[in-house]
Amino acid sequence: MRTITRGAAALAIATAAVAAIGTSSAHANDRTVYGCPGGAVCIYPRDADIHNSTPTNIYYSYGAHNLSSQFGNHYVLNNQYGGANATAQLRNGYNGVDCVITIGLNEFGVYNLTPINSVVLNRP
């Protein structure tokens, strides 16, 4: 009976350890920066201060996303994860045509979005 009890206790401890590792890994990648969730590319309101505003557009999926009603200067933050190839690109054309600006992983800047018609999230 003791062997069964010890085995059950060992299994419970091992299961808890695996669950804890899985949970900490998920939280390590879920890093919100300036209100932009981990794994996303965010656009902030026109002429807003990135430190005191909330993103108006949040993109998670890879590929092209067409923009509408984005004029003037906006902060754009690339808060994806996955390595140096996880870039975001601002493009003049709809559906990801005519790349003009590439934003590296964990980078942000102020960009005039008046001529920009799409943002592309590139797979790492």
PDB file of N, CA and C in Angstrom:
ATOM      1  N   MET A   1       0.826  -1.184   0.000  1.00  0.00           N
ATOM      2  CA  MET A   1       0.000   0.000   0.000  1.00  0.00           C
ATOM      3  C   MET A   1       0.875   1.254   0.000  1.00  0.00           C
ATOM      4  N   ARG A   2       1.993   1.186   0.746  1.00  0.00           N
ATOM      5  CA  ARG A   2       2.898   2.345   0.781  1.00  0.00           C
ATOM      6  C   ARG A   2       3.475   2.634  -0.595  1.00  0.00           C
ATOM      7  N   THR A   3       3.790   1.582  -1.345  1.00  0.00           N
ATOM      8  CA  THR A   3       4.357   1.763  -2.674  1.00  0.00           C
ATOM      9  C   THR A   3       3.364   2.488  -3.583  1.00  0.00           C
ATOM     10  N   ILE A   4       2.098   2.108  -3.516  1.00  0.00           N
ATOM     11  CA  ILE A   4       1.070   2.762  -4.329  1.00  0.00           C
ATOM     12  C   ILE A   4       0.930   4.225  -3.914  1.00  0.00           C
ATOM     13  N   THR A   5       0.938   4.487  -2.598  1.00  0.00           N
ATOM     14  CA  THR A   5       0.812   5.855  -2.099  1.00  0.00           C
ATOM     15  C   THR A   5       1.997   6.702  -2.539  1.00  0.00           C
ATOM     16  N   ARG A   6       3.210   6.156  -2.434  1.00  0.00           N
ATOM     17  CA  ARG A   6       4.404   6.888  -2.860  1.00  0.00           C
ATOM     18  C   ARG A   6       4.369   7.150  -4.362  1.00  0.00           C
ATOM     19  N   GLY A   7       3.951   6.131  -5.115  1.00  0.00           N
ATOM     20  CA  GLY A   7       3.860   6.293  -6.568  1.00  0.00           C
ATOM     21  C   GLY A   7       2.860   7.379  -6.939  1.00  0.00           C
ATOM     22  N   ALA A   8       1.719   7.382  -6.270  1.00  0.00           N
ATOM     23  CA  ALA A   8       0.706   8.410  -6.534  1.00  0.00           C
ATOM     24  C   ALA A   8       1.225   9.795  -6.166  1.00  0.00           C
ATOM     25  N   ALA A   9       1.937   9.881  -5.038  1.00  0.00           N
ATOM     26  CA  ALA A   9       2.500  11.166  -4.614  1.00  0.00           C
ATOM     27  C   ALA A   9       3.553  11.649  -5.604  1.00  0.00           C
ATOM     28  N   ALA A  10       4.400  10.747  -6.067  1.00  0.00           N
ATOM     29  CA  ALA A  10       5.430  11.108  -7.038  1.00  0.00           C
ATOM     30  C   ALA A  10       4.792  11.581  -8.342  1.00  0.00           C
ATOM     31  N   LEU A  11       3.734  10.884  -8.782  1.00  0.00           N
ATOM     32  CA  LEU A  11       3.033  11.281  -9.991  1.00  0.00           C
ATOM     33  C   LEU A  11       2.394  12.659  -9.837  1.00  0.00           C
ATOM     34  N   ALA A  12       1.810  12.929  -8.681  1.00  0.00           N
ATOM     35  CA  ALA A  12       1.191  14.231  -8.426  1.00  0.00           C
ATOM     36  C   ALA A  12       2.224  15.345  -8.453  1.00  0.00           C
ATOM     37  N   ILE A  13       3.379  15.099  -7.854  1.00  0.00           N
ATOM     38  CA  ILE A  13       4.458  16.108  -7.843  1.00  0.00           C
ATOM     39  C   ILE A  13       4.968  16.351  -9.256  1.00  0.00           C
ATOM     40  N   ALA A  14       5.175  15.277 -10.019  1.00  0.00           N
ATOM     41  CA  ALA A  14       5.666  15.421 -11.393  1.00  0.00           C
ATOM     42  C   ALA A  14       4.658  16.176 -12.256  1.00  0.00           C
ATOM     43  N   THR A  15       3.382  15.871 -12.095  1.00  0.00           N
ATOM     44  CA  THR A  15       2.338  16.562 -12.853  1.00  0.00           C
ATOM     45  C   THR A  15       2.299  18.042 -12.505  1.00  0.00           C
ATOM     46  N   ALA A  16       2.415  18.357 -11.221  1.00  0.00           N
ATOM     47  CA  ALA A  16       2.425  19.758 -10.789  1.00  0.00           C
ATOM     48  C   ALA A  16       3.635  20.488 -11.349  1.00  0.00           C
ATOM     49  N   ALA A  17       4.786  19.821 -11.386  1.00  0.00           N
ATOM     50  CA  ALA A  17       6.007  20.447 -11.908  1.00  0.00           C
ATOM     51  C   ALA A  17       5.859  20.744 -13.391  1.00  0.00           C
ATOM     52  N   VAL A  18       5.305  19.806 -14.152  1.00  0.00           N
ATOM     53  CA  VAL A  18       5.109  20.029 -15.586  1.00  0.00           C
ATOM     54  C   VAL A  18       4.106  21.156 -15.811  1.00  0.00           C
ATOM     55  N   ALA A  19       3.040  21.177 -15.032  1.00  0.00           N
ATOM     56  CA  ALA A  19       2.047  22.241 -15.161  1.00  0.00           C
ATOM     57  C   ALA A  19       2.656  23.601 -14.844  1.00  0.00           C
ATOM     58  N   ALA A  20       3.489  23.661 -13.830  1.00  0.00           N
ATOM     59  CA  ALA A  20       4.125  24.929 -13.458  1.00  0.00           C
ATOM     60  C   ALA A  20       5.069  25.412 -14.544  1.00  0.00           C
ATOM     61  N   ILE A  21       5.811  24.496 -15.146  1.00  0.00           N
ATOM     62  CA  ILE A  21       6.729  24.880 -16.221  1.00  0.00           C
ATOM     63  C   ILE A  21       5.942  25.408 -17.408  1.00  0.00           C
ATOM     64  N   GLY A  22       4.873  24.703 -17.783  1.00  0.00           N
ATOM     65  CA  GLY A  22       4.046  25.143 -18.907  1.00  0.00           C
ATOM     66  C   GLY A  22       3.433  26.503 -18.651  1.00  0.00           C
ATOM     67  N   THR A  23       2.963  26.749 -17.446  1.00  0.00           N
ATOM     68  CA  THR A  23       2.345  28.027 -17.104  1.00  0.00           C
ATOM     69  C   THR A  23       3.363  29.148 -17.149  1.00  0.00           C
ATOM     70  N   SER A  24       4.557  28.931 -16.595  1.00  0.00           N
ATOM     71  CA  SER A  24       5.544  30.007 -16.581  1.00  0.00           C
ATOM     72  C   SER A  24       6.016  30.322 -17.993  1.00  0.00           C
ATOM     73  N   SER A  25       6.107  29.324 -18.862  1.00  0.00           N
ATOM     74  CA  SER A  25       6.509  29.587 -20.231  1.00  0.00           C
ATOM     75  C   SER A  25       5.470  30.432 -20.950  1.00  0.00           C
ATOM     76  N   ALA A  26       4.210  30.136 -20.741  1.00  0.00           N
ATOM     77  CA  ALA A  26       3.159  30.907 -21.397  1.00  0.00           C
ATOM     78  C   ALA A  26       3.190  32.354 -20.928  1.00  0.00           C
ATOM     79  N   HIS A  27       3.380  32.576 -19.647  1.00  0.00           N
ATOM     80  CA  HIS A  27       3.406  33.942 -19.131  1.00  0.00           C
ATOM     81  C   HIS A  27       4.663  34.686 -19.552  1.00  0.00           C
ATOM     82  N   ALA A  28       5.760  33.984 -19.739  1.00  0.00           N
ATOM     83  CA  ALA A  28       7.000  34.640 -20.141  1.00  0.00           C
ATOM     84  C   ALA A  28       6.843  35.273 -21.527  1.00  0.00           C
ATOM     85  N   ASN A  29       6.052  34.651 -22.417  1.00  0.00           N
ATOM     86  CA  ASN A  29       5.852  35.186 -23.760  1.00  0.00           C
ATOM     87  C   ASN A  29       4.722  36.200 -23.827  1.00  0.00           C
ATOM     88  N   ASP A  30       3.907  36.266 -22.805  1.00  0.00           N
ATOM     89  CA  ASP A  30       2.763  37.172 -22.809  1.00  0.00           C
ATOM     90  C   ASP A  30       3.165  38.494 -22.163  1.00  0.00           C
ATOM     91  N   ARG A  31       4.041  39.239 -22.834  1.00  0.00           N
ATOM     92  CA  ARG A  31       4.543  40.486 -22.288  1.00  0.00           C
ATOM     93  C   ARG A  31       3.880  41.674 -22.963  1.00  0.00           C
ATOM     94  N   THR A  32       3.104  42.398 -22.208  1.00  0.00           N
ATOM     95  CA  THR A  32       2.462  43.597 -22.722  1.00  0.00           C
ATOM     96  C   THR A  32       3.442  44.756 -22.617  1.00  0.00           C
ATOM     97  N   VAL A  33       3.609  45.486 -23.703  1.00  0.00           N
ATOM     98  CA  VAL A  33       4.509  46.635 -23.760  1.00  0.00           C
ATOM     99  C   VAL A  33       3.709  47.825 -24.275  1.00  0.00           C
ATOM    100  N   TYR A  34       3.649  48.887 -23.489  1.00  0.00           N
ATOM    101  CA  TYR A  34       2.897  50.093 -23.855  1.00  0.00           C
ATOM    102  C   TYR A  34       1.461  49.744 -24.277  1.00  0.00           C
ATOM    103  N   GLY A  35       0.853  48.800 -23.581  1.00  0.00           N
ATOM    104  CA  GLY A  35      -0.516  48.400 -23.863  1.00  0.00           C
ATOM    105  C   GLY A  35      -0.677  47.452 -25.033  1.00  0.00           C
ATOM    106  N   CYS A  36       0.413  47.087 -25.683  1.00  0.00           N
ATOM    107  CA  CYS A  36       0.380  46.175 -26.829  1.00  0.00           C
ATOM    108  C   CYS A  36       0.663  44.757 -26.339  1.00  0.00           C
ATOM    109  N   PRO A  37      -0.281  43.830 -26.505  1.00  0.00           N
ATOM    110  CA  PRO A  37      -0.101  42.470 -26.004  1.00  0.00           C
ATOM    111  C   PRO A  37       1.070  41.748 -26.675  1.00  0.00           C
ATOM    112  N   GLY A  38       1.674  40.824 -25.954  1.00  0.00           N
ATOM    113  CA  GLY A  38       2.736  40.004 -26.523  1.00  0.00           C
ATOM    114  C   GLY A  38       2.236  39.234 -27.730  1.00  0.00           C
ATOM    115  N   GLY A  39       3.044  39.189 -28.778  1.00  0.00           N
ATOM    116  CA  GLY A  39       2.675  38.477 -29.988  1.00  0.00           C
ATOM    117  C   GLY A  39       1.947  39.328 -31.002  1.00  0.00           C
ATOM    118  N   ALA A  40       1.784  40.608 -30.732  1.00  0.00           N
ATOM    119  CA  ALA A  40       0.983  41.472 -31.610  1.00  0.00           C
ATOM    120  C   ALA A  40       1.810  42.607 -32.210  1.00  0.00           C
ATOM    121  N   VAL A  41       1.253  43.218 -33.235  1.00  0.00           N
ATOM    122  CA  VAL A  41       1.738  44.482 -33.780  1.00  0.00           C
ATOM    123  C   VAL A  41       0.610  45.483 -33.547  1.00  0.00           C
ATOM    124  N   CYS A  42       0.957  46.641 -32.988  1.00  0.00           N
ATOM    125  CA  CYS A  42      -0.059  47.614 -32.586  1.00  0.00           C
ATOM    126  C   CYS A  42       0.157  48.969 -33.241  1.00  0.00           C
ATOM    127  N   ILE A  43      -0.966  49.605 -33.563  1.00  0.00           N
ATOM    128  CA  ILE A  43      -0.968  50.984 -34.048  1.00  0.00           C
ATOM    129  C   ILE A  43      -1.700  51.816 -33.008  1.00  0.00           C
ATOM    130  N   TYR A  44      -1.135  52.962 -32.674  1.00  0.00           N
ATOM    131  CA  TYR A  44      -1.685  53.855 -31.645  1.00  0.00           C
ATOM    132  C   TYR A  44      -2.415  55.018 -32.306  1.00  0.00           C
ATOM    133  N   PRO A  45      -3.226  55.749 -31.550  1.00  0.00           N
ATOM    134  CA  PRO A  45      -3.970  56.874 -32.129  1.00  0.00           C
ATOM    135  C   PRO A  45      -3.049  57.930 -32.739  1.00  0.00           C
ATOM    136  N   ARG A  46      -3.592  58.679 -33.658  1.00  0.00           N
ATOM    137  CA  ARG A  46      -2.848  59.753 -34.332  1.00  0.00           C
ATOM    138  C   ARG A  46      -2.294  60.738 -33.316  1.00  0.00           C
ATOM    139  N   ASP A  47      -1.023  61.070 -33.468  1.00  0.00           N
ATOM    140  CA  ASP A  47      -0.307  62.050 -32.647  1.00  0.00           C
ATOM    141  C   ASP A  47      -0.333  61.737 -31.146  1.00  0.00           C
ATOM    142  N   ALA A  48      -0.596  60.498 -30.769  1.00  0.00           N
ATOM    143  CA  ALA A  48      -0.649  60.120 -29.353  1.00  0.00           C
ATOM    144  C   ALA A  48       0.747  59.786 -28.830  1.00  0.00           C
ATOM    145  N   ASP A  49       0.907  59.926 -27.541  1.00  0.00           N
ATOM    146  CA  ASP A  49       2.131  59.521 -26.854  1.00  0.00           C
ATOM    147  C   ASP A  49       2.003  58.039 -26.520  1.00  0.00           C
ATOM    148  N   ILE A  50       2.932  57.241 -26.981  1.00  0.00           N
ATOM    149  CA  ILE A  50       2.872  55.787 -26.780  1.00  0.00           C
ATOM    150  C   ILE A  50       2.851  55.429 -25.291  1.00  0.00           C
ATOM    151  N   HIS A  51       3.424  56.276 -24.447  1.00  0.00           N
ATOM    152  CA  HIS A  51       3.495  55.999 -23.008  1.00  0.00           C
ATOM    153  C   HIS A  51       2.161  56.202 -22.300  1.00  0.00           C
ATOM    154  N   ASN A  52       1.269  56.993 -22.895  1.00  0.00           N
ATOM    155  CA  ASN A  52       0.006  57.336 -22.225  1.00  0.00           C
ATOM    156  C   ASN A  52      -1.226  57.025 -23.058  1.00  0.00           C
ATOM    157  N   SER A  53      -1.135  56.093 -23.993  1.00  0.00           N
ATOM    158  CA  SER A  53      -2.298  55.795 -24.821  1.00  0.00           C
ATOM    159  C   SER A  53      -2.459  54.287 -24.990  1.00  0.00           C
ATOM    160  N   THR A  54      -3.582  53.923 -25.562  1.00  0.00           N
ATOM    161  CA  THR A  54      -3.923  52.533 -25.805  1.00  0.00           C
ATOM    162  C   THR A  54      -3.958  52.306 -27.306  1.00  0.00           C
ATOM    163  N   PRO A  55      -3.471  51.164 -27.785  1.00  0.00           N
ATOM    164  CA  PRO A  55      -3.515  50.908 -29.225  1.00  0.00           C
ATOM    165  C   PRO A  55      -4.947  50.929 -29.769  1.00  0.00           C
ATOM    166  N   THR A  56      -5.101  51.454 -30.980  1.00  0.00           N
ATOM    167  CA  THR A  56      -6.404  51.433 -31.649  1.00  0.00           C
ATOM    168  C   THR A  56      -6.528  50.223 -32.566  1.00  0.00           C
ATOM    169  N   ASN A  57      -5.405  49.735 -33.077  1.00  0.00           N
ATOM    170  CA  ASN A  57      -5.390  48.570 -33.952  1.00  0.00           C
ATOM    171  C   ASN A  57      -4.388  47.565 -33.395  1.00  0.00           C
ATOM    172  N   ILE A  58      -4.822  46.312 -33.246  1.00  0.00           N
ATOM    173  CA  ILE A  58      -3.965  45.236 -32.747  1.00  0.00           C
ATOM    174  C   ILE A  58      -4.067  44.072 -33.718  1.00  0.00           C
ATOM    175  N   TYR A  59      -2.921  43.624 -34.244  1.00  0.00           N
ATOM    176  CA  TYR A  59      -2.878  42.536 -35.221  1.00  0.00           C
ATOM    177  C   TYR A  59      -2.053  41.377 -34.669  1.00  0.00           C
ATOM    178  N   TYR A  60      -2.629  40.180 -34.726  1.00  0.00           N
ATOM    179  CA  TYR A  60      -1.948  38.974 -34.250  1.00  0.00           C
ATOM    180  C   TYR A  60      -1.567  38.026 -35.382  1.00  0.00           C
ATOM    181  N   SER A  61      -2.363  37.950 -36.424  1.00  0.00           N
ATOM    182  CA  SER A  61      -2.158  36.915 -37.440  1.00  0.00           C
ATOM    183  C   SER A  61      -1.154  37.368 -38.499  1.00  0.00           C
ATOM    184  N   TYR A  62      -0.386  36.398 -38.987  1.00  0.00           N
ATOM    185  CA  TYR A  62       0.603  36.674 -40.021  1.00  0.00           C
ATOM    186  C   TYR A  62      -0.097  37.008 -41.331  1.00  0.00           C
ATOM    187  N   GLY A  63       0.591  37.806 -42.144  1.00  0.00           N
ATOM    188  CA  GLY A  63       0.054  38.175 -43.440  1.00  0.00           C
ATOM    189  C   GLY A  63      -0.339  39.641 -43.472  1.00  0.00           C
ATOM    190  N   ALA A  64      -1.054  40.001 -44.543  1.00  0.00           N
ATOM    191  CA  ALA A  64      -1.418  41.403 -44.785  1.00  0.00           C
ATOM    192  C   ALA A  64      -2.734  41.768 -44.114  1.00  0.00           C
ATOM    193  N   HIS A  65      -2.781  42.984 -43.582  1.00  0.00           N
ATOM    194  CA  HIS A  65      -3.982  43.555 -42.981  1.00  0.00           C
ATOM    195  C   HIS A  65      -4.172  44.941 -43.593  1.00  0.00           C
ATOM    196  N   ASN A  66      -5.282  45.140 -44.271  1.00  0.00           N
ATOM    197  CA  ASN A  66      -5.553  46.437 -44.890  1.00  0.00           C
ATOM    198  C   ASN A  66      -5.961  47.452 -43.830  1.00  0.00           C
ATOM    199  N   LEU A  67      -5.491  48.675 -43.998  1.00  0.00           N
ATOM    200  CA  LEU A  67      -5.813  49.764 -43.079  1.00  0.00           C
ATOM    201  C   LEU A  67      -6.914  50.635 -43.674  1.00  0.00           C
ATOM    202  N   SER A  68      -7.651  51.284 -42.798  1.00  0.00           N
ATOM    203  CA  SER A  68      -8.613  52.282 -43.256  1.00  0.00           C
ATOM    204  C   SER A  68      -8.650  53.417 -42.240  1.00  0.00           C
ATOM    205  N   SER A  69      -8.807  54.626 -42.735  1.00  0.00           N
ATOM    206  CA  SER A  69      -8.905  55.833 -41.903  1.00  0.00           C
ATOM    207  C   SER A  69      -7.701  56.028 -40.982  1.00  0.00           C
ATOM    208  N   GLN A  70      -6.516  55.730 -41.474  1.00  0.00           N
ATOM    209  CA  GLN A  70      -5.291  55.973 -40.709  1.00  0.00           C
ATOM    210  C   GLN A  70      -4.506  57.068 -41.427  1.00  0.00           C
ATOM    211  N   PHE A  71      -4.553  58.268 -40.878  1.00  0.00           N
ATOM    212  CA  PHE A  71      -3.883  59.406 -41.491  1.00  0.00           C
ATOM    213  C   PHE A  71      -2.956  60.050 -40.475  1.00  0.00           C
ATOM    214  N   GLY A  72      -1.901  60.671 -40.945  1.00  0.00           N
ATOM    215  CA  GLY A  72      -0.976  61.377 -40.065  1.00  0.00           C
ATOM    216  C   GLY A  72      -0.023  60.449 -39.336  1.00  0.00           C
ATOM    217  N   ASN A  73       0.591  60.994 -38.287  1.00  0.00           N
ATOM    218  CA  ASN A  73       1.633  60.277 -37.554  1.00  0.00           C
ATOM    219  C   ASN A  73       1.063  59.396 -36.450  1.00  0.00           C
ATOM    220  N   HIS A  74       1.499  58.151 -36.455  1.00  0.00           N
ATOM    221  CA  HIS A  74       1.083  57.158 -35.464  1.00  0.00           C
ATOM    222  C   HIS A  74       2.299  56.367 -35.005  1.00  0.00           C
ATOM    223  N   TYR A  75       2.320  56.010 -33.731  1.00  0.00           N
ATOM    224  CA  TYR A  75       3.294  55.028 -33.275  1.00  0.00           C
ATOM    225  C   TYR A  75       2.856  53.662 -33.774  1.00  0.00           C
ATOM    226  N   VAL A  76       3.830  52.859 -34.211  1.00  0.00           N
ATOM    227  CA  VAL A  76       3.596  51.463 -34.565  1.00  0.00           C
ATOM    228  C   VAL A  76       4.628  50.648 -33.803  1.00  0.00           C
ATOM    229  N   LEU A  77       4.165  49.635 -33.068  1.00  0.00           N
ATOM    230  CA  LEU A  77       5.024  48.802 -32.222  1.00  0.00           C
ATOM    231  C   LEU A  77       4.944  47.355 -32.673  1.00  0.00           C
ATOM    232  N   ASN A  78       6.105  46.737 -32.899  1.00  0.00           N
ATOM    233  CA  ASN A  78       6.183  45.318 -33.240  1.00  0.00           C
ATOM    234  C   ASN A  78       6.519  44.551 -31.963  1.00  0.00           C
ATOM    235  N   ASN A  79       5.503  43.997 -31.315  1.00  0.00           N
ATOM    236  CA  ASN A  79       5.681  43.258 -30.061  1.00  0.00           C
ATOM    237  C   ASN A  79       5.472  41.757 -30.271  1.00  0.00           C
ATOM    238  N   GLN A  80       5.795  41.279 -31.476  1.00  0.00           N
ATOM    239  CA  GLN A  80       5.723  39.844 -31.750  1.00  0.00           C
ATOM    240  C   GLN A  80       6.841  39.130 -30.997  1.00  0.00           C
ATOM    241  N   TYR A  81       6.839  37.811 -31.055  1.00  0.00           N
ATOM    242  CA  TYR A  81       7.976  37.043 -30.575  1.00  0.00           C
ATOM    243  C   TYR A  81       8.276  35.960 -31.577  1.00  0.00           C
ATOM    244  N   GLY A  82       9.459  35.405 -31.479  1.00  0.00           N
ATOM    245  CA  GLY A  82       9.802  34.339 -32.399  1.00  0.00           C
ATOM    246  C   GLY A  82      11.124  34.534 -33.110  1.00  0.00           C
ATOM    247  N   GLY A  83      11.826  35.604 -32.845  1.00  0.00           N
ATOM    248  CA  GLY A  83      13.128  35.786 -33.467  1.00  0.00           C
ATOM    249  C   GLY A  83      13.188  37.004 -34.364  1.00  0.00           C
ATOM    250  N   ALA A  84      14.373  37.203 -34.904  1.00  0.00           N
ATOM    251  CA  ALA A  84      14.657  38.407 -35.685  1.00  0.00           C
ATOM    252  C   ALA A  84      13.812  38.509 -36.948  1.00  0.00           C
ATOM    253  N   ASN A  85      13.307  37.396 -37.464  1.00  0.00           N
ATOM    254  CA  ASN A  85      12.512  37.436 -38.696  1.00  0.00           C
ATOM    255  C   ASN A  85      11.055  37.812 -38.448  1.00  0.00           C
ATOM    256  N   ALA A  86      10.659  38.000 -37.194  1.00  0.00           N
ATOM    257  CA  ALA A  86       9.279  38.396 -36.875  1.00  0.00           C
ATOM    258  C   ALA A  86       9.153  39.894 -37.063  1.00  0.00           C
ATOM    259  N   THR A  87       9.149  40.315 -38.319  1.00  0.00           N
ATOM    260  CA  THR A  87       9.090  41.741 -38.635  1.00  0.00           C
ATOM    261  C   THR A  87       7.666  42.157 -38.986  1.00  0.00           C
ATOM    262  N   ALA A  88       7.460  43.453 -38.947  1.00  0.00           N
ATOM    263  CA  ALA A  88       6.222  44.047 -39.429  1.00  0.00           C
ATOM    264  C   ALA A  88       6.615  45.010 -40.542  1.00  0.00           C
ATOM    265  N   GLN A  89       5.819  45.065 -41.578  1.00  0.00           N
ATOM    266  CA  GLN A  89       6.117  45.957 -42.688  1.00  0.00           C
ATOM    267  C   GLN A  89       4.919  46.855 -42.983  1.00  0.00           C
ATOM    268  N   LEU A  90       5.223  48.119 -43.241  1.00  0.00           N
ATOM    269  CA  LEU A  90       4.208  49.075 -43.666  1.00  0.00           C
ATOM    270  C   LEU A  90       4.303  49.155 -45.181  1.00  0.00           C
ATOM    271  N   ARG A  91       3.148  49.034 -45.828  1.00  0.00           N
ATOM    272  CA  ARG A  91       3.149  48.956 -47.282  1.00  0.00           C
ATOM    273  C   ARG A  91       2.172  49.957 -47.883  1.00  0.00           C
ATOM    274  N   ASN A  92       2.581  50.547 -49.007  1.00  0.00           N
ATOM    275  CA  ASN A  92       1.755  51.557 -49.674  1.00  0.00           C
ATOM    276  C   ASN A  92       0.488  50.972 -50.278  1.00  0.00           C
ATOM    277  N   GLY A  93       0.575  49.767 -50.803  1.00  0.00           N
ATOM    278  CA  GLY A  93      -0.575  49.167 -51.469  1.00  0.00           C
ATOM    279  C   GLY A  93      -1.423  48.321 -50.533  1.00  0.00           C
ATOM    280  N   TYR A  94      -2.657  48.090 -50.941  1.00  0.00           N
ATOM    281  CA  TYR A  94      -3.531  47.178 -50.207  1.00  0.00           C
ATOM    282  C   TYR A  94      -3.037  45.750 -50.389  1.00  0.00           C
ATOM    283  N   ASN A  95      -3.416  44.882 -49.483  1.00  0.00           N
ATOM    284  CA  ASN A  95      -3.085  43.458 -49.529  1.00  0.00           C
ATOM    285  C   ASN A  95      -1.584  43.186 -49.512  1.00  0.00           C
ATOM    286  N   GLY A  96      -0.812  44.067 -48.879  1.00  0.00           N
ATOM    287  CA  GLY A  96       0.612  43.821 -48.681  1.00  0.00           C
ATOM    288  C   GLY A  96       1.510  44.111 -49.860  1.00  0.00           C
ATOM    289  N   VAL A  97       1.121  45.021 -50.736  1.00  0.00           N
ATOM    290  CA  VAL A  97       1.917  45.359 -51.921  1.00  0.00           C
ATOM    291  C   VAL A  97       2.760  46.606 -51.649  1.00  0.00           C
ATOM    292  N   ASP A  98       3.998  46.632 -52.162  1.00  0.00           N
ATOM    293  CA  ASP A  98       4.871  47.810 -52.151  1.00  0.00           C
ATOM    294  C   ASP A  98       5.368  48.172 -50.743  1.00  0.00           C
ATOM    295  N   CYS A  99       6.277  47.356 -50.231  1.00  0.00           N
ATOM    296  CA  CYS A  99       6.856  47.587 -48.899  1.00  0.00           C
ATOM    297  C   CYS A  99       7.699  48.860 -48.879  1.00  0.00           C
ATOM    298  N   VAL A 100       7.462  49.705 -47.867  1.00  0.00           N
ATOM    299  CA  VAL A 100       8.250  50.926 -47.737  1.00  0.00           C
ATOM    300  C   VAL A 100       9.004  50.999 -46.414  1.00  0.00           C
ATOM    301  N   ILE A 101       8.518  50.314 -45.373  1.00  0.00           N
ATOM    302  CA  ILE A 101       9.157  50.379 -44.059  1.00  0.00           C
ATOM    303  C   ILE A 101       9.095  48.994 -43.407  1.00  0.00           C
ATOM    304  N   THR A 102      10.229  48.550 -42.858  1.00  0.00           N
ATOM    305  CA  THR A 102      10.270  47.313 -42.093  1.00  0.00           C
ATOM    306  C   THR A 102      10.580  47.660 -40.639  1.00  0.00           C
ATOM    307  N   ILE A 103       9.766  47.127 -39.728  1.00  0.00           N
ATOM    308  CA  ILE A 103       9.929  47.375 -38.295  1.00  0.00           C
ATOM    309  C   ILE A 103      10.386  46.067 -37.657  1.00  0.00           C
ATOM    310  N   GLY A 104      11.570  46.091 -37.051  1.00  0.00           N
ATOM    311  CA  GLY A 104      12.136  44.894 -36.453  1.00  0.00           C
ATOM    312  C   GLY A 104      11.441  44.478 -35.171  1.00  0.00           C
ATOM    313  N   LEU A 105      11.763  43.295 -34.739  1.00  0.00           N
ATOM    314  CA  LEU A 105      11.222  42.740 -33.508  1.00  0.00           C
ATOM    315  C   LEU A 105      11.530  43.657 -32.329  1.00  0.00           C
ATOM    316  N   ASN A 106      10.519  43.946 -31.515  1.00  0.00           N
ATOM    317  CA  ASN A 106      10.629  44.796 -30.328  1.00  0.00           C
ATOM    318  C   ASN A 106      11.007  46.238 -30.648  1.00  0.00           C
ATOM    319  N   GLU A 107      10.740  46.683 -31.850  1.00  0.00           N
ATOM    320  CA  GLU A 107      11.005  48.066 -32.230  1.00  0.00           C
ATOM    321  C   GLU A 107       9.695  48.820 -32.402  1.00  0.00           C
ATOM    322  N   PHE A 108       9.769  50.138 -32.258  1.00  0.00           N
ATOM    323  CA  PHE A 108       8.616  50.988 -32.524  1.00  0.00           C
ATOM    324  C   PHE A 108       9.115  52.328 -33.026  1.00  0.00           C
ATOM    325  N   GLY A 109       8.221  53.063 -33.635  1.00  0.00           N
ATOM    326  CA  GLY A 109       8.563  54.382 -34.141  1.00  0.00           C
ATOM    327  C   GLY A 109       7.305  55.112 -34.554  1.00  0.00           C
ATOM    328  N   VAL A 110       7.479  56.376 -34.915  1.00  0.00           N
ATOM    329  CA  VAL A 110       6.372  57.195 -35.394  1.00  0.00           C
ATOM    330  C   VAL A 110       6.444  57.202 -36.914  1.00  0.00           C
ATOM    331  N   TYR A 111       5.319  56.869 -37.545  1.00  0.00           N
ATOM    332  CA  TYR A 111       5.267  56.779 -38.995  1.00  0.00           C
ATOM    333  C   TYR A 111       4.043  57.527 -39.518  1.00  0.00           C
ATOM    334  N   ASN A 112       4.221  58.198 -40.646  1.00  0.00           N
ATOM    335  CA  ASN A 112       3.100  58.844 -41.314  1.00  0.00           C
ATOM    336  C   ASN A 112       2.325  57.758 -42.057  1.00  0.00           C
ATOM    337  N   LEU A 113       1.125  57.461 -41.600  1.00  0.00           N
ATOM    338  CA  LEU A 113       0.335  56.388 -42.192  1.00  0.00           C
ATOM    339  C   LEU A 113      -0.569  56.852 -43.333  1.00  0.00           C
ATOM    340  N   THR A 114      -0.507  58.139 -43.688  1.00  0.00           N
ATOM    341  CA  THR A 114      -1.367  58.637 -44.770  1.00  0.00           C
ATOM    342  C   THR A 114      -1.158  57.840 -46.065  1.00  0.00           C
ATOM    343  N   PRO A 115       0.082  57.592 -46.505  1.00  0.00           N
ATOM    344  CA  PRO A 115       0.232  56.815 -47.745  1.00  0.00           C
ATOM    345  C   PRO A 115       0.207  55.290 -47.528  1.00  0.00           C
ATOM    346  N   ILE A 116       0.124  54.846 -46.291  1.00  0.00           N
ATOM    347  CA  ILE A 116       0.196  53.412 -45.974  1.00  0.00           C
ATOM    348  C   ILE A 116      -1.209  52.803 -46.037  1.00  0.00           C
ATOM    349  N   ASN A 117      -1.334  51.708 -46.765  1.00  0.00           N
ATOM    350  CA  ASN A 117      -2.637  51.057 -46.910  1.00  0.00           C
ATOM    351  C   ASN A 117      -2.698  49.654 -46.327  1.00  0.00           C
ATOM    352  N   SER A 118      -1.559  49.112 -45.912  1.00  0.00           N
ATOM    353  CA  SER A 118      -1.593  47.806 -45.267  1.00  0.00           C
ATOM    354  C   SER A 118      -0.374  47.614 -44.378  1.00  0.00           C
ATOM    355  N   VAL A 119      -0.538  46.728 -43.406  1.00  0.00           N
ATOM    356  CA  VAL A 119       0.555  46.312 -42.542  1.00  0.00           C
ATOM    357  C   VAL A 119       0.656  44.797 -42.672  1.00  0.00           C
ATOM    358  N   VAL A 120       1.897  44.296 -42.766  1.00  0.00           N
ATOM    359  CA  VAL A 120       2.124  42.864 -42.921  1.00  0.00           C
ATOM    360  C   VAL A 120       2.919  42.350 -41.729  1.00  0.00           C
ATOM    361  N   LEU A 121       2.446  41.278 -41.127  1.00  0.00           N
ATOM    362  CA  LEU A 121       3.176  40.591 -40.066  1.00  0.00           C
ATOM    363  C   LEU A 121       3.866  39.392 -40.704  1.00  0.00           C
ATOM    364  N   ASN A 122       5.193  39.367 -40.577  1.00  0.00           N
ATOM    365  CA  ASN A 122       5.972  38.291 -41.189  1.00  0.00           C
ATOM    366  C   ASN A 122       6.280  37.199 -40.174  1.00  0.00           C
ATOM    367  N   ARG A 123       6.103  35.977 -40.604  1.00  0.00           N
ATOM    368  CA  ARG A 123       6.336  34.800 -39.776  1.00  0.00           C
ATOM    369  C   ARG A 123       7.825  34.676 -39.453  1.00  0.00           C
ATOM    370  N   PRO A 124       8.137  34.379 -38.184  1.00  0.00           N
ATOM    371  CA  PRO A 124       9.559  34.223 -37.825  1.00  0.00           C
ATOM    372  C   PRO A 124      10.176  32.992 -38.460  1.00  0.00           C
TER     373      PRO A 124
END
